[in-house]
Amino acid sequence: MADAGTVSTLIDMGGIAIGAGLAIGLGCVGAGLSQGAMGSAVVGVIAEKPEVEGKYLLYIVLPEILAIFGFVVAMLLYLKMS
């Protein structure tokens, strides 16, 4: 039989692992949805006015910050687990 402390530790580690998976998974889904909507609009603007390409490139890169934040949170949780 497992000790009560061991079971509690395993449950805590499982919760941390699920939280890390949700952090990176939902962060990437959010980044993908927002980048799809904003990316198509930005490409349309750039097609009409090529001189604004550098200015609007930031709007294409901006949603990726969500995925990076999700990755950072997942890594912090993973390092806490080990």
N, C-alpha and C. Protein backbone atom coordinates (compact mmCIF):
# COMPACT_ATOMS: atom_id res chain seq x y z
N MET A 1 0.83 -1.18 0.00
CA MET A 1 0.00 0.00 0.00
C MET A 1 0.87 1.24 0.00
N ALA A 2 0.41 2.24 -0.69
CA ALA A 2 1.16 3.48 -0.78
C ALA A 2 0.92 4.33 0.46
N ASP A 3 1.94 5.02 0.85
CA ASP A 3 1.85 5.93 1.98
C ASP A 3 0.96 7.13 1.60
N ALA A 4 0.27 7.70 2.56
CA ALA A 4 -0.63 8.83 2.29
C ALA A 4 0.15 10.03 1.75
N GLY A 5 1.37 10.23 2.23
CA GLY A 5 2.20 11.33 1.74
C GLY A 5 2.62 11.12 0.31
N THR A 6 2.89 9.86 -0.08
CA THR A 6 3.28 9.56 -1.45
C THR A 6 2.13 9.79 -2.41
N VAL A 7 0.94 9.38 -2.02
CA VAL A 7 -0.24 9.58 -2.87
C VAL A 7 -0.51 11.07 -3.04
N SER A 8 -0.38 11.83 -1.97
CA SER A 8 -0.59 13.27 -2.05
C SER A 8 0.43 13.92 -2.98
N THR A 9 1.67 13.48 -2.91
CA THR A 9 2.72 14.01 -3.79
C THR A 9 2.43 13.67 -5.24
N LEU A 10 1.99 12.45 -5.50
CA LEU A 10 1.67 12.05 -6.87
C LEU A 10 0.50 12.85 -7.42
N ILE A 11 -0.50 13.10 -6.59
CA ILE A 11 -1.64 13.91 -7.04
C ILE A 11 -1.20 15.33 -7.34
N ASP A 12 -0.33 15.89 -6.49
CA ASP A 12 0.17 17.24 -6.73
C ASP A 12 0.97 17.30 -8.03
N MET A 13 1.82 16.31 -8.27
CA MET A 13 2.62 16.29 -9.51
C MET A 13 1.73 16.12 -10.73
N GLY A 14 0.68 15.33 -10.61
CA GLY A 14 -0.26 15.17 -11.72
C GLY A 14 -0.99 16.46 -12.04
N GLY A 15 -1.39 17.18 -11.01
CA GLY A 15 -2.05 18.47 -11.21
C GLY A 15 -1.13 19.49 -11.87
N ILE A 16 0.13 19.48 -11.46
CA ILE A 16 1.11 20.39 -12.08
C ILE A 16 1.31 20.03 -13.55
N ALA A 17 1.39 18.74 -13.85
CA ALA A 17 1.58 18.31 -15.23
C ALA A 17 0.38 18.68 -16.10
N ILE A 18 -0.82 18.52 -15.58
CA ILE A 18 -2.02 18.91 -16.32
C ILE A 18 -2.04 20.43 -16.53
N GLY A 19 -1.66 21.18 -15.52
CA GLY A 19 -1.60 22.64 -15.65
C GLY A 19 -0.59 23.08 -16.68
N ALA A 20 0.56 22.42 -16.73
CA ALA A 20 1.58 22.76 -17.73
C ALA A 20 1.08 22.45 -19.13
N GLY A 21 0.41 21.33 -19.29
CA GLY A 21 -0.13 20.98 -20.61
C GLY A 21 -1.20 21.95 -21.05
N LEU A 22 -2.07 22.34 -20.13
CA LEU A 22 -3.11 23.31 -20.46
C LEU A 22 -2.52 24.68 -20.79
N ALA A 23 -1.46 25.06 -20.08
CA ALA A 23 -0.85 26.37 -20.32
C ALA A 23 -0.31 26.47 -21.73
N ILE A 24 0.44 25.46 -22.15
CA ILE A 24 1.02 25.55 -23.49
C ILE A 24 -0.02 25.26 -24.57
N GLY A 25 -0.92 24.34 -24.31
CA GLY A 25 -1.93 24.00 -25.31
C GLY A 25 -2.89 25.14 -25.58
N LEU A 26 -3.46 25.72 -24.53
CA LEU A 26 -4.41 26.81 -24.71
C LEU A 26 -3.73 28.09 -25.17
N GLY A 27 -2.48 28.28 -24.75
CA GLY A 27 -1.73 29.45 -25.23
C GLY A 27 -1.49 29.38 -26.73
N CYS A 28 -1.17 28.19 -27.23
CA CYS A 28 -0.94 28.03 -28.67
C CYS A 28 -2.25 28.11 -29.46
N VAL A 29 -3.33 27.59 -28.92
CA VAL A 29 -4.62 27.70 -29.61
C VAL A 29 -5.04 29.17 -29.70
N GLY A 30 -4.90 29.89 -28.62
CA GLY A 30 -5.23 31.32 -28.64
C GLY A 30 -4.37 32.10 -29.62
N ALA A 31 -3.08 31.78 -29.65
CA ALA A 31 -2.18 32.46 -30.59
C ALA A 31 -2.57 32.14 -32.03
N GLY A 32 -2.91 30.90 -32.29
CA GLY A 32 -3.28 30.51 -33.64
C GLY A 32 -4.56 31.17 -34.11
N LEU A 33 -5.56 31.24 -33.25
CA LEU A 33 -6.83 31.88 -33.62
C LEU A 33 -6.64 33.37 -33.87
N SER A 34 -5.93 34.03 -32.99
CA SER A 34 -5.75 35.47 -33.17
C SER A 34 -4.84 35.78 -34.35
N GLN A 35 -3.84 34.95 -34.57
CA GLN A 35 -2.95 35.20 -35.70
C GLN A 35 -3.66 34.95 -37.03
N GLY A 36 -4.57 34.01 -37.06
CA GLY A 36 -5.33 33.78 -38.28
C GLY A 36 -6.21 34.96 -38.64
N ALA A 37 -6.87 35.53 -37.64
CA ALA A 37 -7.75 36.67 -37.90
C ALA A 37 -6.94 37.92 -38.25
N MET A 38 -5.93 38.22 -37.45
CA MET A 38 -5.15 39.42 -37.68
C MET A 38 -4.24 39.28 -38.89
N GLY A 39 -3.72 38.10 -39.10
CA GLY A 39 -2.80 37.89 -40.22
C GLY A 39 -3.46 38.11 -41.56
N SER A 40 -4.68 37.64 -41.72
CA SER A 40 -5.36 37.83 -42.99
C SER A 40 -5.66 39.31 -43.24
N ALA A 41 -6.01 40.03 -42.20
CA ALA A 41 -6.28 41.46 -42.35
C ALA A 41 -5.00 42.23 -42.69
N VAL A 42 -3.91 41.88 -42.03
CA VAL A 42 -2.64 42.57 -42.28
C VAL A 42 -2.14 42.28 -43.69
N VAL A 43 -2.26 41.05 -44.14
CA VAL A 43 -1.81 40.71 -45.50
C VAL A 43 -2.65 41.47 -46.53
N GLY A 44 -3.93 41.65 -46.26
CA GLY A 44 -4.77 42.44 -47.16
C GLY A 44 -4.33 43.89 -47.23
N VAL A 45 -3.98 44.47 -46.08
CA VAL A 45 -3.51 45.86 -46.06
C VAL A 45 -2.17 45.97 -46.79
N ILE A 46 -1.28 45.03 -46.56
CA ILE A 46 0.04 45.08 -47.19
C ILE A 46 -0.09 44.90 -48.71
N ALA A 47 -1.06 44.11 -49.15
CA ALA A 47 -1.26 43.94 -50.59
C ALA A 47 -1.70 45.26 -51.23
N GLU A 48 -2.48 46.05 -50.51
CA GLU A 48 -2.93 47.34 -51.06
C GLU A 48 -1.89 48.43 -50.92
N LYS A 49 -1.15 48.44 -49.79
CA LYS A 49 -0.14 49.47 -49.54
C LYS A 49 1.17 48.79 -49.12
N PRO A 50 2.03 48.44 -50.06
CA PRO A 50 3.27 47.74 -49.68
C PRO A 50 4.23 48.57 -48.82
N GLU A 51 4.07 49.89 -48.80
CA GLU A 51 5.00 50.73 -48.04
C GLU A 51 4.79 50.62 -46.52
N VAL A 52 3.70 50.05 -46.07
CA VAL A 52 3.44 49.92 -44.63
C VAL A 52 3.81 48.54 -44.10
N GLU A 53 4.57 47.78 -44.86
CA GLU A 53 4.88 46.40 -44.47
C GLU A 53 5.60 46.31 -43.13
N GLY A 54 6.61 47.14 -42.92
CA GLY A 54 7.38 47.08 -41.68
C GLY A 54 6.56 47.44 -40.46
N LYS A 55 5.65 48.40 -40.64
CA LYS A 55 4.81 48.85 -39.53
C LYS A 55 3.82 47.76 -39.10
N TYR A 56 3.24 47.07 -40.07
CA TYR A 56 2.22 46.08 -39.78
C TYR A 56 2.78 44.69 -39.50
N LEU A 57 4.07 44.52 -39.70
CA LEU A 57 4.69 43.22 -39.38
C LEU A 57 4.58 42.91 -37.89
N LEU A 58 4.58 43.95 -37.08
CA LEU A 58 4.42 43.78 -35.63
C LEU A 58 3.10 43.11 -35.29
N TYR A 59 2.04 43.42 -36.04
CA TYR A 59 0.73 42.83 -35.77
C TYR A 59 0.69 41.34 -36.09
N ILE A 60 1.56 40.90 -36.98
CA ILE A 60 1.62 39.48 -37.29
C ILE A 60 2.38 38.74 -36.19
N VAL A 61 3.40 39.38 -35.64
CA VAL A 61 4.25 38.74 -34.62
C VAL A 61 3.61 38.79 -33.23
N LEU A 62 2.80 39.79 -32.97
CA LEU A 62 2.23 40.01 -31.63
C LEU A 62 1.51 38.81 -31.04
N PRO A 63 0.67 38.07 -31.78
CA PRO A 63 -0.03 36.94 -31.15
C PRO A 63 0.91 35.80 -30.70
N GLU A 64 2.09 35.73 -31.27
CA GLU A 64 3.02 34.67 -30.86
C GLU A 64 3.48 34.84 -29.42
N ILE A 65 3.32 36.03 -28.88
CA ILE A 65 3.70 36.26 -27.48
C ILE A 65 2.84 35.39 -26.56
N LEU A 66 1.58 35.15 -26.94
CA LEU A 66 0.72 34.26 -26.15
C LEU A 66 1.30 32.86 -26.06
N ALA A 67 1.79 32.35 -27.18
CA ALA A 67 2.38 31.01 -27.19
C ALA A 67 3.67 30.99 -26.37
N ILE A 68 4.45 32.06 -26.46
CA ILE A 68 5.70 32.12 -25.68
C ILE A 68 5.40 32.18 -24.18
N PHE A 69 4.40 32.96 -23.78
CA PHE A 69 4.01 33.01 -22.37
C PHE A 69 3.52 31.64 -21.89
N GLY A 70 2.75 30.97 -22.71
CA GLY A 70 2.30 29.62 -22.35
C GLY A 70 3.45 28.66 -22.17
N PHE A 71 4.44 28.76 -23.04
CA PHE A 71 5.63 27.91 -22.92
C PHE A 71 6.40 28.23 -21.66
N VAL A 72 6.55 29.51 -21.34
CA VAL A 72 7.28 29.90 -20.12
C VAL A 72 6.57 29.38 -18.88
N VAL A 73 5.25 29.53 -18.82
CA VAL A 73 4.49 29.03 -17.67
C VAL A 73 4.61 27.52 -17.57
N ALA A 74 4.54 26.82 -18.70
CA ALA A 74 4.67 25.36 -18.68
C ALA A 74 6.05 24.95 -18.19
N MET A 75 7.08 25.65 -18.61
CA MET A 75 8.43 25.31 -18.15
C MET A 75 8.60 25.59 -16.66
N LEU A 76 8.03 26.69 -16.18
CA LEU A 76 8.12 26.98 -14.75
C LEU A 76 7.41 25.91 -13.92
N LEU A 77 6.24 25.49 -14.40
CA LEU A 77 5.53 24.42 -13.69
C LEU A 77 6.29 23.10 -13.75
N TYR A 78 6.89 22.81 -14.90
CA TYR A 78 7.65 21.57 -15.04
C TYR A 78 8.88 21.57 -14.12
N LEU A 79 9.55 22.71 -14.02
CA LEU A 79 10.72 22.79 -13.14
C LEU A 79 10.30 22.70 -11.67
N LYS A 80 9.12 23.18 -11.35
CA LYS A 80 8.62 23.04 -9.98
C LYS A 80 8.32 21.57 -9.66
N MET A 81 7.89 20.82 -10.69
CA MET A 81 7.53 19.43 -10.50
C MET A 81 8.76 18.55 -10.27
N SER A 82 9.86 18.88 -10.94
CA SER A 82 11.04 18.00 -10.82
C SER A 82 12.01 18.44 -9.77
